[in-house]
PDB file of all heavy atoms in Angstrom:
ATOM      1  N   ALA A   1       0.840  -1.199   0.000  1.00  0.00           N
ATOM      2  CA  ALA A   1       0.000   0.000   0.000  1.00  0.00           C
ATOM      3  C   ALA A   1       0.870   1.242   0.000  1.00  0.00           C
ATOM      4  O   ALA A   1       2.089   1.170   0.209  1.00  0.00           O
ATOM      5  CB  ALA A   1      -0.920   0.011   1.223  1.00  0.00           C
ATOM      6  N   ASN A   2       0.242   2.375  -0.200  1.00  0.00           N
ATOM      7  CA  ASN A   2       0.937   3.667  -0.187  1.00  0.00           C
ATOM      8  C   ASN A   2       1.121   4.157   1.248  1.00  0.00           C
ATOM      9  O   ASN A   2       0.716   5.254   1.616  1.00  0.00           O
ATOM     10  CB  ASN A   2       0.136   4.683  -1.007  1.00  0.00           C
ATOM     11  CG  ASN A   2       0.850   6.025  -1.104  1.00  0.00           C
ATOM     12  OD1 ASN A   2       2.070   6.096  -0.987  1.00  0.00           O
ATOM     13  ND2 ASN A   2       0.077   7.077  -1.322  1.00  0.00           N
ATOM     14  N   GLU A   3       1.746   3.324   2.053  1.00  0.00           N
ATOM     15  CA  GLU A   3       2.063   3.610   3.443  1.00  0.00           C
ATOM     16  C   GLU A   3       2.931   2.470   3.954  1.00  0.00           C
ATOM     17  O   GLU A   3       2.943   1.388   3.353  1.00  0.00           O
ATOM     18  CB  GLU A   3       0.785   3.702   4.283  1.00  0.00           C
ATOM     19  CG  GLU A   3       0.015   2.400   4.351  1.00  0.00           C
ATOM     20  CD  GLU A   3      -1.278   2.498   5.134  1.00  0.00           C
ATOM     21  OE1 GLU A   3      -1.482   3.509   5.828  1.00  0.00           O
ATOM     22  OE2 GLU A   3      -2.090   1.546   5.044  1.00  0.00           O
ATOM     23  N   PRO A   4       3.680   2.671   5.040  1.00  0.00           N
ATOM     24  CA  PRO A   4       4.437   1.554   5.611  1.00  0.00           C
ATOM     25  C   PRO A   4       3.497   0.415   5.987  1.00  0.00           C
ATOM     26  O   PRO A   4       2.465   0.626   6.610  1.00  0.00           O
ATOM     27  CB  PRO A   4       5.097   2.171   6.848  1.00  0.00           C
ATOM     28  CG  PRO A   4       5.154   3.639   6.542  1.00  0.00           C
ATOM     29  CD  PRO A   4       3.917   3.938   5.749  1.00  0.00           C
ATOM     30  N   SER A   5       3.857  -0.807   5.601  1.00  0.00           N
ATOM     31  CA  SER A   5       2.981  -1.961   5.805  1.00  0.00           C
ATOM     32  C   SER A   5       3.662  -2.988   6.698  1.00  0.00           C
ATOM     33  O   SER A   5       4.766  -3.457   6.383  1.00  0.00           O
ATOM     34  CB  SER A   5       2.631  -2.607   4.460  1.00  0.00           C
ATOM     35  OG  SER A   5       1.911  -1.703   3.642  1.00  0.00           O
ATOM     36  N   THR A   6       3.003  -3.357   7.798  1.00  0.00           N
ATOM     37  CA  THR A   6       3.507  -4.412   8.655  1.00  0.00           C
ATOM     38  C   THR A   6       3.457  -5.745   7.909  1.00  0.00           C
ATOM     39  O   THR A   6       2.848  -5.856   6.841  1.00  0.00           O
ATOM     40  CB  THR A   6       2.665  -4.528   9.928  1.00  0.00           C
ATOM     41  OG1 THR A   6       1.312  -4.840   9.554  1.00  0.00           O
ATOM     42  CG2 THR A   6       2.683  -3.224  10.721  1.00  0.00           C
ATOM     43  N   ARG A   7       4.063  -6.757   8.501  1.00  0.00           N
ATOM     44  CA  ARG A   7       4.070  -8.080   7.884  1.00  0.00           C
ATOM     45  C   ARG A   7       2.646  -8.547   7.582  1.00  0.00           C
ATOM     46  O   ARG A   7       2.379  -9.089   6.502  1.00  0.00           O
ATOM     47  CB  ARG A   7       4.776  -9.073   8.804  1.00  0.00           C
ATOM     48  CG  ARG A   7       4.830 -10.492   8.241  1.00  0.00           C
ATOM     49  CD  ARG A   7       5.553 -11.432   9.188  1.00  0.00           C
ATOM     50  NE  ARG A   7       5.567 -12.800   8.666  1.00  0.00           N
ATOM     51  CZ  ARG A   7       6.472 -13.278   7.827  1.00  0.00           C
ATOM     52  NH1 ARG A   7       7.436 -12.489   7.385  1.00  0.00           N
ATOM     53  NH2 ARG A   7       6.414 -14.526   7.409  1.00  0.00           N
ATOM     54  N   GLU A   8       1.726  -8.323   8.521  1.00  0.00           N
ATOM     55  CA  GLU A   8       0.348  -8.766   8.335  1.00  0.00           C
ATOM     56  C   GLU A   8      -0.285  -8.086   7.128  1.00  0.00           C
ATOM     57  O   GLU A   8      -0.986  -8.730   6.332  1.00  0.00           O
ATOM     58  CB  GLU A   8      -0.472  -8.501   9.597  1.00  0.00           C
ATOM     59  CG  GLU A   8      -0.099  -9.341  10.801  1.00  0.00           C
ATOM     60  CD  GLU A   8       1.229  -8.952  11.438  1.00  0.00           C
ATOM     61  OE1 GLU A   8       1.694  -7.803  11.222  1.00  0.00           O
ATOM     62  OE2 GLU A   8       1.821  -9.796  12.145  1.00  0.00           O
ATOM     63  N   ARG A   9      -0.055  -6.795   6.981  1.00  0.00           N
ATOM     64  CA  ARG A   9      -0.612  -6.068   5.837  1.00  0.00           C
ATOM     65  C   ARG A   9       0.046  -6.530   4.534  1.00  0.00           C
ATOM     66  O   ARG A   9      -0.624  -6.632   3.493  1.00  0.00           O
ATOM     67  CB  ARG A   9      -0.417  -4.569   6.022  1.00  0.00           C
ATOM     68  CG  ARG A   9      -1.302  -3.950   7.078  1.00  0.00           C
ATOM     69  CD  ARG A   9      -2.682  -3.645   6.535  1.00  0.00           C
ATOM     70  NE  ARG A   9      -2.679  -2.452   5.689  1.00  0.00           N
ATOM     71  CZ  ARG A   9      -3.722  -2.054   4.973  1.00  0.00           C
ATOM     72  NH1 ARG A   9      -4.843  -2.758   4.996  1.00  0.00           N
ATOM     73  NH2 ARG A   9      -3.648  -0.970   4.220  1.00  0.00           N
ATOM     74  N   THR A  10       1.344  -6.795   4.561  1.00  0.00           N
ATOM     75  CA  THR A  10       2.020  -7.279   3.361  1.00  0.00           C
ATOM     76  C   THR A  10       1.458  -8.623   2.928  1.00  0.00           C
ATOM     77  O   THR A  10       1.257  -8.865   1.721  1.00  0.00           O
ATOM     78  CB  THR A  10       3.536  -7.383   3.609  1.00  0.00           C
ATOM     79  OG1 THR A  10       4.067  -6.068   3.847  1.00  0.00           O
ATOM     80  CG2 THR A  10       4.244  -7.998   2.419  1.00  0.00           C
ATOM     81  N   ILE A  11       1.184  -9.496   3.880  1.00  0.00           N
ATOM     82  CA  ILE A  11       0.573 -10.789   3.551  1.00  0.00           C
ATOM     83  C   ILE A  11      -0.793 -10.580   2.906  1.00  0.00           C
ATOM     84  O   ILE A  11      -1.121 -11.206   1.887  1.00  0.00           O
ATOM     85  CB  ILE A  11       0.466 -11.678   4.804  1.00  0.00           C
ATOM     86  CG1 ILE A  11       1.855 -12.112   5.258  1.00  0.00           C
ATOM     87  CG2 ILE A  11      -0.414 -12.896   4.534  1.00  0.00           C
ATOM     88  CD1 ILE A  11       1.872 -12.835   6.591  1.00  0.00           C
ATOM     89  N   LEU A  12      -1.598  -9.677   3.472  1.00  0.00           N
ATOM     90  CA  LEU A  12      -2.906  -9.372   2.883  1.00  0.00           C
ATOM     91  C   LEU A  12      -2.746  -8.833   1.456  1.00  0.00           C
ATOM     92  O   LEU A  12      -3.510  -9.187   0.554  1.00  0.00           O
ATOM     93  CB  LEU A  12      -3.652  -8.355   3.742  1.00  0.00           C
ATOM     94  CG  LEU A  12      -4.225  -8.847   5.067  1.00  0.00           C
ATOM     95  CD1 LEU A  12      -4.819  -7.677   5.852  1.00  0.00           C
ATOM     96  CD2 LEU A  12      -5.291  -9.921   4.834  1.00  0.00           C
ATOM     97  N   GLY A  13      -1.735  -7.974   1.272  1.00  0.00           N
ATOM     98  CA  GLY A  13      -1.498  -7.414  -0.057  1.00  0.00           C
ATOM     99  C   GLY A  13      -1.109  -8.467  -1.073  1.00  0.00           C
ATOM    100  O   GLY A  13      -1.589  -8.459  -2.217  1.00  0.00           O
ATOM    101  N   LEU A  14      -0.233  -9.392  -0.687  1.00  0.00           N
ATOM    102  CA  LEU A  14       0.165 -10.461  -1.603  1.00  0.00           C
ATOM    103  C   LEU A  14      -1.021 -11.364  -1.940  1.00  0.00           C
ATOM    104  O   LEU A  14      -1.186 -11.793  -3.090  1.00  0.00           O
ATOM    105  CB  LEU A  14       1.293 -11.289  -0.976  1.00  0.00           C
ATOM    106  CG  LEU A  14       2.681 -10.639  -0.969  1.00  0.00           C
ATOM    107  CD1 LEU A  14       3.638 -11.439  -0.085  1.00  0.00           C
ATOM    108  CD2 LEU A  14       3.241 -10.517  -2.377  1.00  0.00           C
ATOM    109  N   GLU A  15      -1.860 -11.634  -0.947  1.00  0.00           N
ATOM    110  CA  GLU A  15      -3.035 -12.481  -1.191  1.00  0.00           C
ATOM    111  C   GLU A  15      -4.014 -11.803  -2.140  1.00  0.00           C
ATOM    112  O   GLU A  15      -4.542 -12.440  -3.067  1.00  0.00           O
ATOM    113  CB  GLU A  15      -3.714 -12.818   0.136  1.00  0.00           C
ATOM    114  CG  GLU A  15      -2.905 -13.765   1.012  1.00  0.00           C
ATOM    115  CD  GLU A  15      -3.533 -13.976   2.380  1.00  0.00           C
ATOM    116  OE1 GLU A  15      -4.449 -13.181   2.744  1.00  0.00           O
ATOM    117  OE2 GLU A  15      -3.117 -14.916   3.087  1.00  0.00           O
ATOM    118  N   LEU A  16      -4.246 -10.501  -1.942  1.00  0.00           N
ATOM    119  CA  LEU A  16      -5.163  -9.783  -2.831  1.00  0.00           C
ATOM    120  C   LEU A  16      -4.582  -9.687  -4.239  1.00  0.00           C
ATOM    121  O   LEU A  16      -5.306  -9.832  -5.233  1.00  0.00           O
ATOM    122  CB  LEU A  16      -5.469  -8.398  -2.277  1.00  0.00           C
ATOM    123  CG  LEU A  16      -6.421  -7.545  -3.123  1.00  0.00           C
ATOM    124  CD1 LEU A  16      -7.765  -8.248  -3.304  1.00  0.00           C
ATOM    125  CD2 LEU A  16      -6.629  -6.170  -2.493  1.00  0.00           C
ATOM    126  N   PHE A  17      -3.282  -9.438  -4.339  1.00  0.00           N
ATOM    127  CA  PHE A  17      -2.630  -9.398  -5.654  1.00  0.00           C
ATOM    128  C   PHE A  17      -2.880 -10.714  -6.389  1.00  0.00           C
ATOM    129  O   PHE A  17      -3.273 -10.724  -7.567  1.00  0.00           O
ATOM    130  CB  PHE A  17      -1.127  -9.146  -5.484  1.00  0.00           C
ATOM    131  CG  PHE A  17      -0.394  -8.909  -6.781  1.00  0.00           C
ATOM    132  CD1 PHE A  17      -0.029  -7.630  -7.163  1.00  0.00           C
ATOM    133  CD2 PHE A  17      -0.064  -9.960  -7.633  1.00  0.00           C
ATOM    134  CE1 PHE A  17       0.635  -7.403  -8.353  1.00  0.00           C
ATOM    135  CE2 PHE A  17       0.607  -9.750  -8.816  1.00  0.00           C
ATOM    136  CZ  PHE A  17       0.960  -8.469  -9.184  1.00  0.00           C
ATOM    137  N   ARG A  18      -2.648 -11.835  -5.713  1.00  0.00           N
ATOM    138  CA  ARG A  18      -2.866 -13.145  -6.344  1.00  0.00           C
ATOM    139  C   ARG A  18      -4.320 -13.339  -6.732  1.00  0.00           C
ATOM    140  O   ARG A  18      -4.627 -13.858  -7.806  1.00  0.00           O
ATOM    141  CB  ARG A  18      -2.436 -14.265  -5.393  1.00  0.00           C
ATOM    142  CG  ARG A  18      -0.988 -14.665  -5.502  1.00  0.00           C
ATOM    143  CD  ARG A  18      -0.717 -15.990  -4.824  1.00  0.00           C
ATOM    144  NE  ARG A  18      -1.125 -16.000  -3.439  1.00  0.00           N
ATOM    145  CZ  ARG A  18      -0.383 -15.565  -2.431  1.00  0.00           C
ATOM    146  NH1 ARG A  18       0.815 -15.079  -2.665  1.00  0.00           N
ATOM    147  NH2 ARG A  18      -0.825 -15.620  -1.196  1.00  0.00           N
ATOM    148  N   ASP A  19      -5.235 -12.931  -5.858  1.00  0.00           N
ATOM    149  CA  ASP A  19      -6.658 -13.105  -6.152  1.00  0.00           C
ATOM    150  C   ASP A  19      -7.070 -12.329  -7.397  1.00  0.00           C
ATOM    151  O   ASP A  19      -7.867 -12.807  -8.210  1.00  0.00           O
ATOM    152  CB  ASP A  19      -7.504 -12.650  -4.957  1.00  0.00           C
ATOM    153  CG  ASP A  19      -7.416 -13.602  -3.783  1.00  0.00           C
ATOM    154  OD1 ASP A  19      -6.958 -14.746  -3.969  1.00  0.00           O
ATOM    155  OD2 ASP A  19      -7.796 -13.200  -2.660  1.00  0.00           O
ATOM    156  N   VAL A  20      -6.531 -11.114  -7.551  1.00  0.00           N
ATOM    157  CA  VAL A  20      -6.931 -10.255  -8.664  1.00  0.00           C
ATOM    158  C   VAL A  20      -6.166 -10.596  -9.937  1.00  0.00           C
ATOM    159  O   VAL A  20      -6.753 -10.793 -11.005  1.00  0.00           O
ATOM    160  CB  VAL A  20      -6.723  -8.766  -8.291  1.00  0.00           C
ATOM    161  CG1 VAL A  20      -6.955  -7.872  -9.511  1.00  0.00           C
ATOM    162  CG2 VAL A  20      -7.649  -8.357  -7.147  1.00  0.00           C
ATOM    163  N   VAL A  21      -4.859 -10.673  -9.830  1.00  0.00           N
ATOM    164  CA  VAL A  21      -3.999 -10.827 -11.008  1.00  0.00           C
ATOM    165  C   VAL A  21      -3.894 -12.291 -11.445  1.00  0.00           C
ATOM    166  O   VAL A  21      -3.663 -12.590 -12.615  1.00  0.00           O
ATOM    167  CB  VAL A  21      -2.609 -10.220 -10.736  1.00  0.00           C
ATOM    168  CG1 VAL A  21      -1.661 -10.395 -11.920  1.00  0.00           C
ATOM    169  CG2 VAL A  21      -2.751  -8.726 -10.404  1.00  0.00           C
ATOM    170  N   GLY A  22      -4.061 -13.207 -10.504  1.00  0.00           N
ATOM    171  CA  GLY A  22      -4.024 -14.619 -10.844  1.00  0.00           C
ATOM    172  C   GLY A  22      -2.692 -15.292 -10.624  1.00  0.00           C
ATOM    173  O   GLY A  22      -2.523 -16.474 -10.923  1.00  0.00           O
ATOM    174  N   ARG A  23      -1.720 -14.559 -10.104  1.00  0.00           N
ATOM    175  CA  ARG A  23      -0.391 -15.115  -9.839  1.00  0.00           C
ATOM    176  C   ARG A  23       0.343 -14.167  -8.910  1.00  0.00           C
ATOM    177  O   ARG A  23      -0.102 -13.044  -8.657  1.00  0.00           O
ATOM    178  CB  ARG A  23       0.403 -15.264 -11.132  1.00  0.00           C
ATOM    179  CG  ARG A  23       0.527 -13.956 -11.911  1.00  0.00           C
ATOM    180  CD  ARG A  23       1.664 -13.939 -12.890  1.00  0.00           C
ATOM    181  NE  ARG A  23       1.730 -12.693 -13.629  1.00  0.00           N
ATOM    182  CZ  ARG A  23       2.200 -11.545 -13.138  1.00  0.00           C
ATOM    183  NH1 ARG A  23       2.639 -11.472 -11.889  1.00  0.00           N
ATOM    184  NH2 ARG A  23       2.214 -10.446 -13.891  1.00  0.00           N
ATOM    185  N   ASP A  24       1.494 -14.596  -8.404  1.00  0.00           N
ATOM    186  CA  ASP A  24       2.351 -13.713  -7.617  1.00  0.00           C
ATOM    187  C   ASP A  24       3.001 -12.665  -8.520  1.00  0.00           C
ATOM    188  O   ASP A  24       3.212 -12.916  -9.712  1.00  0.00           O
ATOM    189  CB  ASP A  24       3.462 -14.512  -6.934  1.00  0.00           C
ATOM    190  CG  ASP A  24       2.980 -15.310  -5.736  1.00  0.00           C
ATOM    191  OD1 ASP A  24       2.057 -14.836  -5.048  1.00  0.00           O
ATOM    192  OD2 ASP A  24       3.522 -16.407  -5.494  1.00  0.00           O
ATOM    193  N   PRO A  25       3.352 -11.509  -7.971  1.00  0.00           N
ATOM    194  CA  PRO A  25       4.125 -10.538  -8.762  1.00  0.00           C
ATOM    195  C   PRO A  25       5.546 -11.041  -8.974  1.00  0.00           C
ATOM    196  O   PRO A  25       6.199 -11.467  -8.025  1.00  0.00           O
ATOM    197  CB  PRO A  25       4.112  -9.278  -7.883  1.00  0.00           C
ATOM    198  CG  PRO A  25       3.917  -9.787  -6.492  1.00  0.00           C
ATOM    199  CD  PRO A  25       3.070 -11.023  -6.608  1.00  0.00           C
ATOM    200  N   ARG A  26       6.029 -10.985 -10.201  1.00  0.00           N
ATOM    201  CA  ARG A  26       7.414 -11.394 -10.463  1.00  0.00           C
ATOM    202  C   ARG A  26       8.384 -10.250 -10.175  1.00  0.00           C
ATOM    203  O   ARG A  26       9.554 -10.495  -9.881  1.00  0.00           O
ATOM    204  CB  ARG A  26       7.574 -11.858 -11.915  1.00  0.00           C
ATOM    205  CG  ARG A  26       6.745 -13.100 -12.266  1.00  0.00           C
ATOM    206  CD  ARG A  26       7.278 -13.754 -13.515  1.00  0.00           C
ATOM    207  NE  ARG A  26       8.609 -14.294 -13.276  1.00  0.00           N
ATOM    208  CZ  ARG A  26       9.511 -14.519 -14.233  1.00  0.00           C
ATOM    209  NH1 ARG A  26       9.236 -14.217 -15.488  1.00  0.00           N
ATOM    210  NH2 ARG A  26      10.698 -15.014 -13.935  1.00  0.00           N
ATOM    211  N   ILE A  27       7.900  -9.023 -10.293  1.00  0.00           N
ATOM    212  CA  ILE A  27       8.734  -7.839 -10.119  1.00  0.00           C
ATOM    213  C   ILE A  27       8.261  -7.070  -8.888  1.00  0.00           C
ATOM    214  O   ILE A  27       7.054  -6.907  -8.657  1.00  0.00           O
ATOM    215  CB  ILE A  27       8.645  -6.908 -11.344  1.00  0.00           C
ATOM    216  CG1 ILE A  27       9.102  -7.628 -12.622  1.00  0.00           C
ATOM    217  CG2 ILE A  27       9.429  -5.614 -11.128  1.00  0.00           C
ATOM    218  CD1 ILE A  27      10.582  -7.796 -12.761  1.00  0.00           C
ATOM    219  N   TYR A  28       9.215  -6.565  -8.105  1.00  0.00           N
ATOM    220  CA  TYR A  28       8.910  -5.686  -6.971  1.00  0.00           C
ATOM    221  C   TYR A  28       9.859  -4.504  -7.007  1.00  0.00           C
ATOM    222  O   TYR A  28      11.065  -4.655  -7.238  1.00  0.00           O
ATOM    223  CB  TYR A  28       9.061  -6.440  -5.654  1.00  0.00           C
ATOM    224  CG  TYR A  28       9.176  -5.552  -4.430  1.00  0.00           C
ATOM    225  CD1 TYR A  28       8.088  -4.799  -3.977  1.00  0.00           C
ATOM    226  CD2 TYR A  28      10.376  -5.466  -3.722  1.00  0.00           C
ATOM    227  CE1 TYR A  28       8.202  -3.983  -2.857  1.00  0.00           C
ATOM    228  CE2 TYR A  28      10.496  -4.665  -2.604  1.00  0.00           C
ATOM    229  CZ  TYR A  28       9.406  -3.924  -2.175  1.00  0.00           C
ATOM    230  OH  TYR A  28       9.527  -3.118  -1.071  1.00  0.00           O
ATOM    231  N   THR A  29       9.306  -3.308  -6.784  1.00  0.00           N
ATOM    232  CA  THR A  29      10.139  -2.117  -6.622  1.00  0.00           C
ATOM    233  C   THR A  29       9.819  -1.480  -5.286  1.00  0.00           C
ATOM    234  O   THR A  29       8.650  -1.356  -4.898  1.00  0.00           O
ATOM    235  CB  THR A  29       9.909  -1.077  -7.743  1.00  0.00           C
ATOM    236  OG1 THR A  29       8.571  -0.600  -7.686  1.00  0.00           O
ATOM    237  CG2 THR A  29      10.176  -1.688  -9.113  1.00  0.00           C
ATOM    238  N   VAL A  30      10.847  -1.067  -4.573  1.00  0.00           N
ATOM    239  CA  VAL A  30      10.681  -0.431  -3.267  1.00  0.00           C
ATOM    240  C   VAL A  30      10.000   0.922  -3.437  1.00  0.00           C
ATOM    241  O   VAL A  30      10.363   1.704  -4.324  1.00  0.00           O
ATOM    242  CB  VAL A  30      12.049  -0.260  -2.580  1.00  0.00           C
ATOM    243  CG1 VAL A  30      11.909   0.548  -1.289  1.00  0.00           C
ATOM    244  CG2 VAL A  30      12.683  -1.613  -2.287  1.00  0.00           C
ATOM    245  N   HIS A  31       9.018   1.196  -2.578  1.00  0.00           N
ATOM    246  CA  HIS A  31       8.427   2.538  -2.505  1.00  0.00           C
ATOM    247  C   HIS A  31       9.298   3.335  -1.543  1.00  0.00           C
ATOM    248  O   HIS A  31       9.299   3.090  -0.333  1.00  0.00           O
ATOM    249  CB  HIS A  31       6.990   2.440  -2.007  1.00  0.00           C
ATOM    250  CG  HIS A  31       6.207   3.715  -2.123  1.00  0.00           C
ATOM    251  ND1 HIS A  31       6.476   4.669  -3.083  1.00  0.00           N
ATOM    252  CD2 HIS A  31       5.156   4.191  -1.394  1.00  0.00           C
ATOM    253  CE1 HIS A  31       5.614   5.671  -2.949  1.00  0.00           C
ATOM    254  NE2 HIS A  31       4.816   5.402  -1.939  1.00  0.00           N
ATOM    255  N   VAL A  32      10.071   4.268  -2.074  1.00  0.00           N
ATOM    256  CA  VAL A  32      11.130   4.938  -1.324  1.00  0.00           C
ATOM    257  C   VAL A  32      10.582   5.579  -0.048  1.00  0.00           C
ATOM    258  O   VAL A  32       9.547   6.246  -0.060  1.00  0.00           O
ATOM    259  CB  VAL A  32      11.819   5.993  -2.209  1.00  0.00           C
ATOM    260  CG1 VAL A  32      12.855   6.776  -1.407  1.00  0.00           C
ATOM    261  CG2 VAL A  32      12.480   5.323  -3.400  1.00  0.00           C
ATOM    262  N   GLY A  33      11.286   5.337   1.059  1.00  0.00           N
ATOM    263  CA  GLY A  33      10.931   5.954   2.324  1.00  0.00           C
ATOM    264  C   GLY A  33       9.996   5.144   3.195  1.00  0.00           C
ATOM    265  O   GLY A  33       9.632   5.577   4.284  1.00  0.00           O
TER     266      GLY A  33
END
């Protein structure tokens, strides 16, 4: 998300990404800061 994300939120984000996109993201870029 557009904010610092705890481990729990990151897990939720990965699960939603998979649900919507149909797979894990192959690419990740750090949101600076």
